[in-house]
C-alpha atoms as a PDB file:
ATOM      1  CA  MET A   1    -150.579 110.756 -61.698  1.00  0.00           C
ATOM      2  CA  THR A   2    -150.432 106.958 -61.837  1.00  0.00           C
ATOM      3  CA  TRP A   3    -150.243 104.781 -58.719  1.00  0.00           C
ATOM      4  CA  LEU A   4    -148.812 101.274 -58.346  1.00  0.00           C
ATOM      5  CA  LEU A   5    -148.599  99.095 -55.294  1.00  0.00           C
ATOM      6  CA  ALA A   6    -145.704  96.628 -55.688  1.00  0.00           C
ATOM      7  CA  GLY A   7    -145.041  94.423 -52.701  1.00  0.00           C
ATOM      8  CA  SER A   8    -144.715  96.788 -49.787  1.00  0.00           C
ATOM      9  CA  SER A   9    -144.033  99.846 -51.959  1.00  0.00           C
ATOM     10  CA  LEU A  10    -146.479 102.403 -53.203  1.00  0.00           C
ATOM     11  CA  LYS A  11    -145.084 104.071 -56.322  1.00  0.00           C
ATOM     12  CA  THR A  12    -146.339 107.121 -58.210  1.00  0.00           C
ATOM     13  CA  TRP A  13    -145.753 108.373 -61.732  1.00  0.00           C
ATOM     14  CA  PRO A  14    -146.361 111.900 -62.993  1.00  0.00           C
ATOM     15  CA  PRO A  15    -148.552 112.553 -66.041  1.00  0.00           C
ATOM     16  CA  GLU A  16    -147.104 111.431 -69.376  1.00  0.00           C
ATOM     17  CA  ASP A  17    -147.363 114.874 -70.984  1.00  0.00           C
ATOM     18  CA  PRO A  18    -144.997 117.335 -69.265  1.00  0.00           C
ATOM     19  CA  HIS A  19    -147.138 120.233 -70.534  1.00  0.00           C
ATOM     20  CA  THR A  20    -150.151 119.141 -68.472  1.00  0.00           C
ATOM     21  CA  ASP A  21    -148.561 120.464 -65.290  1.00  0.00           C
ATOM     22  CA  PRO A  22    -145.967 123.160 -65.981  1.00  0.00           C
ATOM     23  CA  ALA A  23    -145.055 123.824 -62.343  1.00  0.00           C
ATOM     24  CA  PRO A  24    -144.287 120.875 -60.085  1.00  0.00           C
ATOM     25  CA  VAL A  25    -147.054 120.509 -57.519  1.00  0.00           C
ATOM     26  CA  PRO A  26    -146.087 118.459 -54.495  1.00  0.00           C
ATOM     27  CA  ILE A  27    -147.928 115.340 -53.581  1.00  0.00           C
ATOM     28  CA  VAL A  28    -148.600 114.936 -49.865  1.00  0.00           C
ATOM     29  CA  ALA A  29    -148.097 111.692 -47.974  1.00  0.00           C
ATOM     30  CA  TYR A  30    -148.431 110.543 -44.393  1.00  0.00           C
ATOM     31  CA  VAL A  31    -148.386 107.266 -42.492  1.00  0.00           C
ATOM     32  CA  GLY A  32    -150.678 106.128 -39.688  1.00  0.00           C
ATOM     33  CA  LEU A  33    -150.526 103.206 -37.260  1.00  0.00           C
ATOM     34  CA  TYR A  34    -153.751 101.743 -35.873  1.00  0.00           C
ATOM     35  CA  GLN A  35    -154.731  99.137 -33.298  1.00  0.00           C
ATOM     36  CA  GLY A  36    -158.322  98.273 -34.048  1.00  0.00           C
ATOM     37  CA  GLN A  37    -160.184 101.556 -34.494  1.00  0.00           C
ATOM     38  CA  THR A  38    -157.656 103.504 -32.406  1.00  0.00           C
ATOM     39  CA  LYS A  39    -155.109 105.682 -34.198  1.00  0.00           C
ATOM     40  CA  VAL A  40    -151.842 105.233 -32.277  1.00  0.00           C
ATOM     41  CA  PHE A  41    -149.591 107.362 -34.496  1.00  0.00           C
ATOM     42  CA  GLN A  42    -149.802 109.640 -37.496  1.00  0.00           C
ATOM     43  CA  SER A  43    -146.788 111.255 -39.116  1.00  0.00           C
ATOM     44  CA  ALA A  44    -146.735 114.871 -40.126  1.00  0.00           C
ATOM     45  CA  PRO A  45    -147.760 115.383 -43.763  1.00  0.00           C
ATOM     46  CA  LEU A  46    -144.766 115.130 -46.055  1.00  0.00           C
ATOM     47  CA  ALA A  47    -144.745 117.207 -49.234  1.00  0.00           C
ATOM     48  CA  VAL A  48    -142.852 115.562 -52.084  1.00  0.00           C
ATOM     49  CA  VAL A  49    -142.070 117.468 -55.260  1.00  0.00           C
ATOM     50  CA  GLU A  50    -141.890 115.136 -58.224  1.00  0.00           C
ATOM     51  CA  GLN A  51    -138.281 115.100 -59.368  1.00  0.00           C
ATOM     52  CA  THR A  52    -137.841 111.825 -61.120  1.00  0.00           C
ATOM     53  CA  GLN A  53    -134.563 110.692 -62.616  1.00  0.00           C
ATOM     54  CA  ASN A  54    -135.447 107.050 -63.215  1.00  0.00           C
ATOM     55  CA  ARG A  55    -136.926 105.436 -66.281  1.00  0.00           C
ATOM     56  CA  ALA A  56    -140.144 104.446 -64.525  1.00  0.00           C
ATOM     57  CA  LYS A  57    -140.583 108.006 -63.221  1.00  0.00           C
ATOM     58  CA  ALA A  58    -141.434 106.630 -59.774  1.00  0.00           C
ATOM     59  CA  VAL A  59    -141.327 109.051 -56.861  1.00  0.00           C
ATOM     60  CA  PRO A  60    -139.787 107.580 -53.698  1.00  0.00           C
ATOM     61  CA  ILE A  61    -141.404 108.544 -50.398  1.00  0.00           C
ATOM     62  CA  ARG A  62    -139.603 107.931 -47.084  1.00  0.00           C
ATOM     63  CA  PHE A  63    -141.048 108.277 -43.618  1.00  0.00           C
ATOM     64  CA  ASP A  64    -139.303 108.375 -40.263  1.00  0.00           C
ATOM     65  CA  VAL A  65    -141.440 106.706 -37.601  1.00  0.00           C
ATOM     66  CA  PRO A  66    -140.178 107.116 -34.010  1.00  0.00           C
ATOM     67  CA  LEU A  67    -140.512 103.487 -32.932  1.00  0.00           C
ATOM     68  CA  ASP A  68    -139.116 104.271 -29.475  1.00  0.00           C
ATOM     69  CA  LYS A  69    -142.408 106.113 -28.784  1.00  0.00           C
ATOM     70  CA  ILE A  70    -144.623 103.270 -29.980  1.00  0.00           C
ATOM     71  CA  ALA A  71    -145.384 100.345 -27.696  1.00  0.00           C
ATOM     72  CA  PRO A  72    -144.409  96.858 -28.929  1.00  0.00           C
ATOM     73  CA  GLY A  73    -147.274  95.044 -30.632  1.00  0.00           C
ATOM     74  CA  ALA A  74    -149.131  94.517 -33.876  1.00  0.00           C
ATOM     75  CA  TYR A  75    -150.424  97.480 -35.843  1.00  0.00           C
ATOM     76  CA  ASP A  76    -152.277  98.168 -39.045  1.00  0.00           C
ATOM     77  CA  CYS A  77    -150.127 100.549 -41.069  1.00  0.00           C
ATOM     78  CA  GLN A  78    -151.741 102.859 -43.621  1.00  0.00           C
ATOM     79  CA  VAL A  79    -149.840 105.061 -46.060  1.00  0.00           C
ATOM     80  CA  THR A  80    -151.934 107.821 -47.602  1.00  0.00           C
ATOM     81  CA  VAL A  81    -150.789 109.716 -50.687  1.00  0.00           C
ATOM     82  CA  LEU A  82    -152.719 112.781 -51.819  1.00  0.00           C
ATOM     83  CA  ASP A  83    -152.398 114.488 -55.180  1.00  0.00           C
ATOM     84  CA  PRO A  84    -154.068 117.875 -54.659  1.00  0.00           C
ATOM     85  CA  SER A  85    -153.700 118.947 -58.281  1.00  0.00           C
ATOM     86  CA  ALA A  86    -155.595 115.909 -59.592  1.00  0.00           C
ATOM     87  CA  GLN A  87    -157.823 115.658 -56.509  1.00  0.00           C
ATOM     88  CA  LYS A  88    -156.863 111.979 -56.092  1.00  0.00           C
ATOM     89  CA  ALA A  89    -155.826 109.853 -53.171  1.00  0.00           C
ATOM     90  CA  ALA A  90    -154.186 106.446 -52.891  1.00  0.00           C
ATOM     91  CA  PHE A  91    -153.889 104.190 -49.873  1.00  0.00           C
ATOM     92  CA  TRP A  92    -151.695 101.250 -48.934  1.00  0.00           C
ATOM     93  CA  GLN A  93    -152.414  99.133 -45.890  1.00  0.00           C
ATOM     94  CA  GLY A  94    -150.399  96.383 -44.294  1.00  0.00           C
ATOM     95  CA  ARG A  95    -149.828  94.694 -40.966  1.00  0.00           C
ATOM     96  CA  ILE A  96    -146.612  95.451 -39.093  1.00  0.00           C
ATOM     97  CA  VAL A  97    -145.241  94.292 -35.759  1.00  0.00           C
ATOM     98  CA  VAL A  98    -143.098  96.465 -33.490  1.00  0.00           C
ATOM     99  CA  ILE A  99    -140.789  94.393 -31.313  1.00  0.00           C
ATOM    100  CA  PRO A 100    -138.655  95.619 -28.397  1.00  0.00           C
END
C-alpha cells in the first residue's frame, strides 16, 4: 500500500503486484476533531475495500461529519488510515473551522 498526501487529500494505492494480496482486505479509516488535547469527535471506523478503476489506483475515502452536533470554532482534524494486512498506518492533520 502506498500513501500520498496531496493538498487536503490523503490517497492510497494498492500493491503493484496483484498476486501479493489475492483477496481484497479492507483498509480502515476514521476522522477525529480535537481542541487542544481534548477529542471532540471521532467518526466510526469506515472499512474501504480497494476497488480502483482509475489509472492512479487511488482509493477515495469519504466521511460524513455531523457538523450540527459540533460547536462552532477551530479544530485540529486528523484522518487516520489503517492497513491491517500490511500493519501500516498513515495520518493527515489539518486545521478546520466550523462556522454557524
